[in-house]
């Protein structure tokens, strides 16, 4: 038994280590891309890329209708055919939503009601493919394949940086944002090719032939109104700040914001991959099978892991960005120590809040979860609008810290109240 226990502990450590390694490599590539854009295309290009990146993250949520929230919980423990059919139906809803939205936008552009953006073909392809990849990413995590999910994320968000920046360095004519977007599009296509062997055990032909469960889609859409607002709140807290900066300042300021955000977000994504993501199925199973006591043990362990990994990593990233990079490049990047310190602090606080968010999710406290996230999004926008004119970009960083702290307190208060209720608590969805 001791030997078996050792093997289990080693396996439990192997998955977070693999997730961290894959995410670290992908993030290094994306950070390298931001540095490449800043050095060779200018901060305006970083700002433009950041706005497109934000749109690619907002689109899957805006057109997701909150269904992914329930899908993730329903996929846990399902056999391949049932899981595959649910994922297929989810993708059908996404494709229909994208097609309808695309038709409306195309009509508005043809009538010159709105102006067509530059590089429209690449942007449209990126938004379409990223939306599908988003759904599949969370599906893979829910069926217990977080390493595969993060590897595919690396393929579509990190691997392509090698040709995008490498060829740009070798051939100055390719140092354009259009070429960067082309490489991103090709990587998204490759992502789906790599996915096929990962799902080799799934009966794909039978899944494709199965009847689309329109009743399931309709029921999930009807029941997802609050969760949809919740999803909008979460993604809004992450990406709306750059649009506020762009509207109130200029494209260069947006680029500086995106540069700092990319550095701080690297810490958030790495710790999420190594700890929070892999804990979701564990928390759900612990509450279903072990009850309140087992669930509290798992959540406490998650919070400790977040702190143990996140805090040292944030300090290391700050030291490298503020003190290390100027030693490497004579032409220093416009990195602000105070702004980066605020954003890194916000990332750590947000990670702790995310852990509690997963706690709410695993207990089925959907209304409490949605309420805190919706309120958080509103507060985030208000704080940024209030502090940006007063303190500039540092004001946005301060707003991020304050908002993350409020989220942490709100979620902790909800869980504490539910704990006092005791085992007779009911899910509030």
Protein backbone atom coordinates (compact mmCIF):
# COMPACT_ATOMS: atom_id res chain seq x y z
CA UNK A 1 0.00 0.00 0.00
CA UNK A 2 2.77 2.54 0.71
CA UNK A 3 4.11 1.94 -2.79
CA UNK A 4 0.66 2.45 -4.29
CA UNK A 5 0.24 5.63 -2.26
CA UNK A 6 3.56 6.91 -3.57
CA UNK A 7 2.51 6.20 -7.16
CA UNK A 8 -0.78 8.07 -6.64
CA UNK A 9 1.01 11.06 -5.17
CA UNK A 10 3.49 11.06 -8.04
CA UNK A 11 0.65 10.94 -10.57
CA UNK A 12 -1.13 13.78 -8.74
CA UNK A 13 2.01 15.89 -9.07
CA UNK A 14 2.70 14.86 -12.67
CA UNK A 15 -0.47 16.41 -14.11
CA UNK A 16 0.07 19.89 -12.61
CA UNK A 17 3.74 19.72 -13.63
CA UNK A 18 2.82 18.82 -17.21
CA UNK A 19 0.19 21.57 -17.37
CA UNK A 20 2.65 24.09 -15.98
CA UNK A 21 5.34 23.07 -18.49
CA UNK A 22 3.04 23.30 -21.50
CA UNK A 23 1.55 26.61 -20.38
CA UNK A 24 4.98 28.02 -19.51
CA UNK A 25 6.28 27.30 -23.00
CA UNK A 26 3.20 28.77 -24.65
CA UNK A 27 3.27 31.86 -22.48
CA UNK A 28 6.96 32.35 -23.18
CA UNK A 29 6.14 32.35 -26.88
CA UNK A 30 3.29 34.84 -26.49
CA UNK A 31 5.35 37.14 -24.32
CA UNK A 32 8.09 36.88 -26.91
CA UNK A 33 5.57 37.89 -29.57
CA UNK A 34 4.52 40.97 -27.59
CA UNK A 35 8.17 41.94 -27.16
CA UNK A 36 8.76 41.34 -30.89
CA UNK A 37 5.79 43.54 -31.80
CA UNK A 38 6.94 46.27 -29.43
CA UNK A 39 10.52 46.26 -30.72
CA UNK A 40 9.93 45.97 -34.46
CA UNK A 41 6.37 47.16 -35.13
CA UNK A 42 5.90 49.67 -32.30
CA UNK A 43 3.52 50.04 -29.37
CA UNK A 44 0.66 50.94 -31.71
CA UNK A 45 0.93 47.46 -33.21
CA UNK A 46 0.91 45.95 -29.72
CA UNK A 47 -2.27 47.92 -29.05
CA UNK A 48 -3.91 46.72 -32.27
CA UNK A 49 -2.93 43.12 -31.56
CA UNK A 50 -4.25 43.44 -28.01
CA UNK A 51 -7.62 44.65 -29.26
CA UNK A 52 -7.89 41.71 -31.68
CA UNK A 53 -6.76 39.35 -28.91
CA UNK A 54 -9.48 40.78 -26.68
CA UNK A 55 -12.10 40.26 -29.39
CA UNK A 56 -10.96 36.65 -29.81
CA UNK A 57 -11.51 36.10 -26.09
CA UNK A 58 -14.81 37.97 -25.89
CA UNK A 59 -16.48 36.38 -28.93
CA UNK A 60 -16.72 32.77 -27.61
CA UNK A 61 -18.35 34.07 -24.43
CA UNK A 62 -20.65 36.63 -26.01
CA UNK A 63 -21.90 33.97 -28.45
CA UNK A 64 -21.65 31.11 -25.94
CA UNK A 65 -24.96 31.88 -24.20
CA UNK A 66 -23.72 30.42 -20.91
CA UNK A 67 -24.16 26.82 -22.08
CA UNK A 68 -20.50 25.84 -21.53
CA UNK A 69 -21.01 26.30 -17.78
CA UNK A 70 -23.53 23.46 -17.57
CA UNK A 71 -21.80 21.38 -20.22
CA UNK A 72 -18.58 21.22 -18.20
CA UNK A 73 -20.40 19.81 -15.19
CA UNK A 74 -22.45 17.35 -17.26
CA UNK A 75 -19.40 15.92 -19.05
CA UNK A 76 -17.73 14.75 -15.83
CA UNK A 77 -17.92 10.94 -15.71
CA UNK A 78 -19.81 10.51 -19.01
CA UNK A 79 -18.88 7.68 -21.41
CA UNK A 80 -17.25 8.77 -24.71
CA UNK A 81 -20.38 8.56 -26.87
CA UNK A 82 -22.57 10.59 -24.51
CA UNK A 83 -19.82 13.13 -23.89
CA UNK A 84 -19.08 13.45 -27.61
CA UNK A 85 -22.74 13.98 -28.47
CA UNK A 86 -23.04 16.79 -25.91
CA UNK A 87 -19.87 18.45 -27.23
CA UNK A 88 -21.11 18.10 -30.82
CA UNK A 89 -24.42 19.76 -29.95
CA UNK A 90 -22.56 22.57 -28.18
CA UNK A 91 -20.43 23.16 -31.28
CA UNK A 92 -23.52 23.25 -33.48
CA UNK A 93 -24.96 26.03 -31.33
CA UNK A 94 -21.67 27.95 -31.55
CA UNK A 95 -21.49 27.63 -35.34
CA UNK A 96 -25.09 28.76 -35.76
CA UNK A 97 -24.49 31.79 -33.51
CA UNK A 98 -21.31 32.72 -35.38
CA UNK A 99 -23.03 32.40 -38.75
CA UNK A 100 -25.96 34.59 -37.70
CA UNK A 101 -23.71 37.24 -36.19
CA UNK A 102 -21.43 37.17 -39.22
CA UNK A 103 -24.37 37.69 -41.56
CA UNK A 104 -25.58 40.69 -39.58
CA UNK A 105 -22.13 42.27 -39.47
CA UNK A 106 -21.60 41.63 -43.19
CA UNK A 107 -24.88 43.40 -43.98
CA UNK A 108 -23.88 46.37 -41.82
CA UNK A 109 -20.52 46.60 -43.58
CA UNK A 110 -22.06 46.35 -47.06
CA UNK A 111 -24.46 49.18 -46.26
CA UNK A 112 -21.53 51.15 -44.76
CA UNK A 113 -23.33 51.38 -41.43
CA UNK A 114 -20.10 50.26 -39.78
CA UNK A 115 -16.58 50.35 -41.14
CA UNK A 116 -14.92 47.07 -42.06
CA UNK A 117 -11.73 46.53 -40.04
CA UNK A 118 -8.39 46.13 -41.73
CA UNK A 119 -7.30 42.50 -42.22
CA UNK A 120 -10.95 41.45 -42.04
CA UNK A 121 -10.46 37.92 -43.51
CA UNK A 122 -7.84 37.01 -40.90
CA UNK A 123 -9.82 38.53 -38.05
CA UNK A 124 -13.01 36.72 -39.10
CA UNK A 125 -11.19 33.38 -39.40
CA UNK A 126 -9.52 33.86 -36.01
CA UNK A 127 -12.77 34.71 -34.24
CA UNK A 128 -14.56 31.71 -35.80
CA UNK A 129 -11.85 29.14 -35.08
CA UNK A 130 -11.06 30.48 -31.61
CA UNK A 131 -14.73 30.13 -30.66
CA UNK A 132 -14.75 26.44 -31.58
CA UNK A 133 -11.41 25.85 -29.91
CA UNK A 134 -12.70 27.56 -26.75
CA UNK A 135 -15.60 25.10 -26.44
CA UNK A 136 -13.34 22.11 -27.04
CA UNK A 137 -10.74 23.32 -24.55
CA UNK A 138 -13.16 23.29 -21.62
CA UNK A 139 -14.70 20.04 -22.80
CA UNK A 140 -11.30 18.33 -22.70
CA UNK A 141 -10.68 19.62 -19.18
CA UNK A 142 -14.06 18.33 -18.00
CA UNK A 143 -13.44 14.81 -19.37
CA UNK A 144 -10.14 14.65 -17.49
CA UNK A 145 -7.70 15.65 -20.25
CA UNK A 146 -6.23 18.95 -18.98
CA UNK A 147 -2.76 18.17 -20.36
CA UNK A 148 -4.19 17.60 -23.85
CA UNK A 149 -6.27 20.77 -23.54
CA UNK A 150 -3.24 22.85 -22.64
CA UNK A 151 -1.11 21.24 -25.34
CA UNK A 152 -3.68 22.23 -27.95
CA UNK A 153 -3.76 25.69 -26.45
CA UNK A 154 0.00 25.83 -26.97
CA UNK A 155 -0.42 24.78 -30.61
CA UNK A 156 -2.89 27.54 -31.38
CA UNK A 157 -1.54 30.28 -29.14
CA UNK A 158 2.21 29.71 -28.76
CA UNK A 159 3.78 27.47 -31.38
CA UNK A 160 3.01 29.80 -34.27
CA UNK A 161 5.09 32.58 -32.73
CA UNK A 162 8.24 30.85 -34.08
CA UNK A 163 7.38 31.47 -37.76
CA UNK A 164 5.59 34.77 -37.08
CA UNK A 165 8.56 36.36 -35.32
CA UNK A 166 11.36 34.21 -36.76
CA UNK A 167 10.48 34.89 -40.38
CA UNK A 168 9.85 38.53 -39.52
CA UNK A 169 13.36 38.81 -38.11
CA UNK A 170 14.85 37.08 -41.15
CA UNK A 171 12.78 38.94 -43.75
CA UNK A 172 11.92 42.56 -42.85
CA UNK A 173 9.12 42.60 -45.41
CA UNK A 174 7.22 40.13 -43.18
CA UNK A 175 7.36 42.41 -40.13
CA UNK A 176 3.68 43.25 -40.42
CA UNK A 177 0.63 42.64 -38.29
CA UNK A 178 -1.07 40.95 -41.25
CA UNK A 179 1.63 38.28 -41.34
CA UNK A 180 1.26 37.72 -37.59
CA UNK A 181 -2.49 37.23 -38.01
CA UNK A 182 -1.91 34.81 -40.90
CA UNK A 183 0.34 32.66 -38.72
CA UNK A 184 -2.26 32.71 -35.94
CA UNK A 185 -4.95 31.53 -38.38
CA UNK A 186 -2.83 28.66 -39.69
CA UNK A 187 -2.07 27.55 -36.12
CA UNK A 188 -5.77 27.40 -35.33
CA UNK A 189 -6.31 25.14 -38.34
CA UNK A 190 -3.44 22.91 -37.18
CA UNK A 191 -5.04 22.77 -33.72
CA UNK A 192 -8.00 20.81 -35.07
CA UNK A 193 -5.72 18.41 -36.90
CA UNK A 194 -3.87 17.63 -33.68
CA UNK A 195 -7.17 17.14 -31.87
CA UNK A 196 -8.19 14.09 -33.93
CA UNK A 197 -5.69 11.58 -32.46
CA UNK A 198 -6.47 12.87 -28.96
CA UNK A 199 -10.11 11.86 -29.47
CA UNK A 200 -9.24 8.60 -31.22
CA UNK A 201 -11.07 6.61 -28.53
CA UNK A 202 -14.31 8.47 -29.20
CA UNK A 203 -16.78 6.90 -31.68
CA UNK A 204 -16.68 9.99 -33.89
CA UNK A 205 -18.73 8.47 -36.73
CA UNK A 206 -21.53 7.44 -34.37
CA UNK A 207 -21.43 10.83 -32.67
CA UNK A 208 -21.74 12.59 -36.04
CA UNK A 209 -24.77 10.43 -36.98
CA UNK A 210 -26.56 10.91 -33.67
CA UNK A 211 -29.60 13.15 -33.64
CA UNK A 212 -28.98 16.70 -32.49
CA UNK A 213 -30.69 17.12 -29.13
CA UNK A 214 -32.45 20.41 -29.75
CA UNK A 215 -34.39 20.02 -26.52
CA UNK A 216 -31.13 19.89 -24.55
CA UNK A 217 -29.81 22.98 -26.35
CA UNK A 218 -33.05 24.89 -25.80
CA UNK A 219 -33.27 23.84 -22.14
CA UNK A 220 -29.68 24.90 -21.46
CA UNK A 221 -30.18 28.25 -23.19
CA UNK A 222 -33.37 28.90 -21.23
CA UNK A 223 -31.66 28.03 -17.97
CA UNK A 224 -28.44 29.91 -18.71
CA UNK A 225 -29.58 33.52 -18.66
CA UNK A 226 -27.98 34.32 -15.33
CA UNK A 227 -24.92 32.22 -16.10
CA UNK A 228 -24.57 34.01 -19.45
CA UNK A 229 -24.41 37.33 -17.64
CA UNK A 230 -21.91 35.69 -15.29
CA UNK A 231 -19.72 34.64 -18.22
CA UNK A 232 -19.90 38.13 -19.65
CA UNK A 233 -18.84 39.46 -16.27
CA UNK A 234 -15.80 37.18 -16.04
CA UNK A 235 -14.49 37.89 -19.52
CA UNK A 236 -15.38 41.56 -19.19
CA UNK A 237 -13.21 41.87 -16.07
CA UNK A 238 -10.30 40.42 -18.02
CA UNK A 239 -10.56 42.28 -21.34
CA UNK A 240 -12.70 45.43 -21.15
CA UNK A 241 -9.96 47.51 -19.54
CA UNK A 242 -7.97 47.68 -22.78
CA UNK A 243 -10.97 49.06 -24.65
CA UNK A 244 -11.51 51.66 -21.92
CA UNK A 245 -7.84 52.66 -22.21
CA UNK A 246 -8.14 52.85 -25.99
CA UNK A 247 -11.28 54.98 -25.87
CA UNK A 248 -9.96 57.40 -23.22
CA UNK A 249 -6.28 57.59 -24.22
CA UNK A 250 -4.78 56.34 -27.49
CA UNK A 251 -3.43 53.26 -29.28
CA UNK A 252 0.08 53.64 -27.87
CA UNK A 253 -1.26 53.73 -24.32
CA UNK A 254 -3.30 50.65 -25.16
CA UNK A 255 -0.12 48.94 -26.31
CA UNK A 256 1.67 49.81 -23.05
CA UNK A 257 -1.30 48.49 -21.07
CA UNK A 258 -1.37 45.26 -23.12
CA UNK A 259 2.37 44.75 -22.57
CA UNK A 260 2.01 44.94 -18.78
CA UNK A 261 -1.20 42.90 -18.85
CA UNK A 262 0.50 40.16 -20.86
CA UNK A 263 3.30 39.88 -18.30
CA UNK A 264 0.94 39.77 -15.31
CA UNK A 265 -1.52 37.48 -17.06
CA UNK A 266 1.28 34.97 -17.61
CA UNK A 267 1.38 34.39 -13.85
CA UNK A 268 -2.38 34.01 -13.70
CA UNK A 269 -2.51 31.54 -16.58
CA UNK A 270 0.42 29.44 -15.35
CA UNK A 271 -0.96 29.03 -11.84
CA UNK A 272 -4.44 28.37 -13.21
CA UNK A 273 -3.10 25.59 -15.43
CA UNK A 274 -1.05 24.03 -12.65
CA UNK A 275 -3.62 24.19 -9.88
CA UNK A 276 -7.09 25.59 -10.49
CA UNK A 277 -8.05 23.83 -13.74
CA UNK A 278 -7.04 20.35 -12.60
CA UNK A 279 -8.93 20.86 -9.34
CA UNK A 280 -12.35 21.37 -10.90
CA UNK A 281 -13.23 17.67 -11.43
CA UNK A 282 -11.75 16.92 -8.00
CA UNK A 283 -13.92 19.52 -6.26
CA UNK A 284 -17.06 18.35 -8.07
CA UNK A 285 -16.39 14.70 -7.20
CA UNK A 286 -15.41 15.55 -3.62
CA UNK A 287 -18.70 17.33 -2.99
CA UNK A 288 -20.78 14.65 -4.72
CA UNK A 289 -19.12 11.67 -3.06
CA UNK A 290 -17.39 12.92 0.09
CA UNK A 291 -19.74 15.65 1.21
CA UNK A 292 -18.98 18.98 2.82
CA UNK A 293 -15.95 17.89 4.85
CA UNK A 294 -14.07 16.33 1.93
CA UNK A 295 -14.92 19.32 -0.26
CA UNK A 296 -13.52 21.79 2.32
CA UNK A 297 -10.28 19.81 2.52
CA UNK A 298 -9.85 19.94 -1.28
CA UNK A 299 -10.68 23.65 -1.49
CA UNK A 300 -8.25 24.52 1.32
CA UNK A 301 -5.53 22.54 -0.41
CA UNK A 302 -6.24 24.41 -3.66
CA UNK A 303 -5.92 27.82 -1.97
CA UNK A 304 -2.59 26.82 -0.41
CA UNK A 305 -1.26 25.57 -3.75
CA UNK A 306 -2.26 28.83 -5.42
CA UNK A 307 -0.34 30.85 -2.85
CA UNK A 308 2.67 28.53 -2.82
CA UNK A 309 3.10 28.70 -6.60
CA UNK A 310 1.68 32.12 -7.44
CA UNK A 311 3.42 34.44 -4.97
CA UNK A 312 7.03 33.35 -5.70
CA UNK A 313 6.31 33.29 -9.42
CA UNK A 314 4.94 36.85 -9.33
CA UNK A 315 8.05 38.10 -7.51
CA UNK A 316 10.30 36.36 -10.03
CA UNK A 317 8.41 37.81 -13.01
CA UNK A 318 8.56 41.32 -11.53
CA UNK A 319 12.32 41.08 -10.97
CA UNK A 320 12.99 39.79 -14.49
CA UNK A 321 10.72 42.36 -16.20
CA UNK A 322 11.82 45.42 -14.24
CA UNK A 323 15.49 44.64 -13.58
CA UNK A 324 16.45 41.87 -16.01
CA UNK A 325 15.09 43.04 -19.35
CA UNK A 326 16.90 46.42 -19.31
CA UNK A 327 20.18 44.49 -19.00
CA UNK A 328 19.38 42.42 -22.08
CA UNK A 329 18.18 45.16 -24.43
CA UNK A 330 19.81 48.54 -24.68
CA UNK A 331 16.52 49.95 -25.96
CA UNK A 332 14.34 49.32 -22.92
CA UNK A 333 10.67 48.47 -23.25
CA UNK A 334 8.26 50.97 -21.66
CA UNK A 335 7.74 48.90 -18.50
CA UNK A 336 6.51 50.72 -15.39
CA UNK A 337 7.46 49.14 -12.06
CA UNK A 338 4.44 50.52 -10.16
CA UNK A 339 1.97 49.50 -12.87
CA UNK A 340 3.43 45.99 -13.16
CA UNK A 341 3.48 45.57 -9.37
CA UNK A 342 -0.21 46.46 -9.21
CA UNK A 343 -1.11 44.10 -12.05
CA UNK A 344 0.87 41.20 -10.53
CA UNK A 345 -0.76 41.80 -7.14
CA UNK A 346 -4.12 41.79 -8.86
CA UNK A 347 -3.25 38.48 -10.57
CA UNK A 348 -2.48 36.75 -7.25
CA UNK A 349 -5.61 38.08 -5.55
CA UNK A 350 -7.67 37.09 -8.58
CA UNK A 351 -6.23 33.56 -8.44
CA UNK A 352 -7.41 33.21 -4.86
CA UNK A 353 -10.80 34.56 -5.89
CA UNK A 354 -10.86 32.09 -8.80
CA UNK A 355 -10.25 29.21 -6.40
CA UNK A 356 -13.31 30.27 -4.41
CA UNK A 357 -15.21 30.70 -7.67
CA UNK A 358 -14.52 27.04 -8.45
CA UNK A 359 -15.74 26.26 -4.96
CA UNK A 360 -19.06 27.94 -5.73
CA UNK A 361 -19.22 26.12 -9.08
CA UNK A 362 -18.56 22.69 -7.59
CA UNK A 363 -21.39 23.12 -5.07
CA UNK A 364 -23.86 24.24 -7.72
CA UNK A 365 -24.25 27.72 -6.21
CA UNK A 366 -24.91 29.21 -9.61
CA UNK A 367 -26.85 32.29 -8.58
CA UNK A 368 -24.34 33.27 -5.92
CA UNK A 369 -21.49 32.72 -8.37
CA UNK A 370 -23.18 34.73 -11.11
CA UNK A 371 -24.14 37.54 -8.74
CA UNK A 372 -20.58 38.09 -7.54
CA UNK A 373 -19.17 37.99 -11.06
CA UNK A 374 -21.76 40.34 -12.54
CA UNK A 375 -21.21 42.77 -9.70
CA UNK A 376 -17.45 42.40 -10.17
CA UNK A 377 -17.67 43.31 -13.85
CA UNK A 378 -19.74 46.41 -13.14
CA UNK A 379 -17.39 47.51 -10.36
CA UNK A 380 -14.35 46.86 -12.59
CA UNK A 381 -15.65 49.18 -15.31
CA UNK A 382 -16.65 51.87 -12.82
CA UNK A 383 -13.29 51.76 -11.04
CA UNK A 384 -11.36 51.98 -14.31
CA UNK A 385 -13.49 54.87 -15.55
CA UNK A 386 -12.99 56.69 -12.24
CA UNK A 387 -9.25 56.07 -11.70
CA UNK A 388 -7.92 56.23 -15.28
CA UNK A 389 -8.48 60.00 -15.72
CA UNK A 390 -6.99 60.63 -12.27
CA UNK A 391 -3.93 58.35 -12.24
CA UNK A 392 -3.53 57.25 -15.85
CA UNK A 393 -2.53 53.65 -16.49
CA UNK A 394 -1.50 53.23 -12.84
CA UNK A 395 -5.11 54.02 -12.02
CA UNK A 396 -6.23 51.06 -14.14
CA UNK A 397 -3.78 48.84 -12.26
CA UNK A 398 -5.12 50.07 -8.92
CA UNK A 399 -8.67 49.45 -10.13
CA UNK A 400 -7.71 45.85 -10.95
CA UNK A 401 -6.33 45.30 -7.42
CA UNK A 402 -9.39 46.79 -5.75
CA UNK A 403 -11.78 44.80 -7.90
CA UNK A 404 -9.96 41.50 -7.35
CA UNK A 405 -9.97 42.12 -3.60
CA UNK A 406 -13.71 42.82 -3.59
CA UNK A 407 -14.34 39.62 -5.54
CA UNK A 408 -12.27 37.58 -3.08
CA UNK A 409 -14.15 38.99 -0.09
CA UNK A 410 -17.56 38.53 -1.73
CA UNK A 411 -16.95 34.90 -2.70
CA UNK A 412 -15.47 34.06 0.71
CA UNK A 413 -18.52 35.59 2.39
CA UNK A 414 -20.90 33.49 0.27
CA UNK A 415 -19.04 30.25 1.02
CA UNK A 416 -18.84 31.09 4.73
CA UNK A 417 -22.58 31.70 4.82
CA UNK A 418 -23.25 28.40 3.06
CA UNK A 419 -20.97 26.59 5.48
CA UNK A 420 -23.00 27.93 8.42
CA UNK A 421 -26.14 26.57 6.79
CA UNK A 422 -24.62 23.10 7.01
CA UNK A 423 -25.08 19.92 5.00
CA UNK A 424 -28.72 20.65 4.28
CA UNK A 425 -27.74 23.42 1.86
CA UNK A 426 -29.36 23.31 -1.54
CA UNK A 427 -27.90 24.39 -4.85
CA UNK A 428 -29.31 27.76 -5.78
CA UNK A 429 -29.51 27.21 -9.50
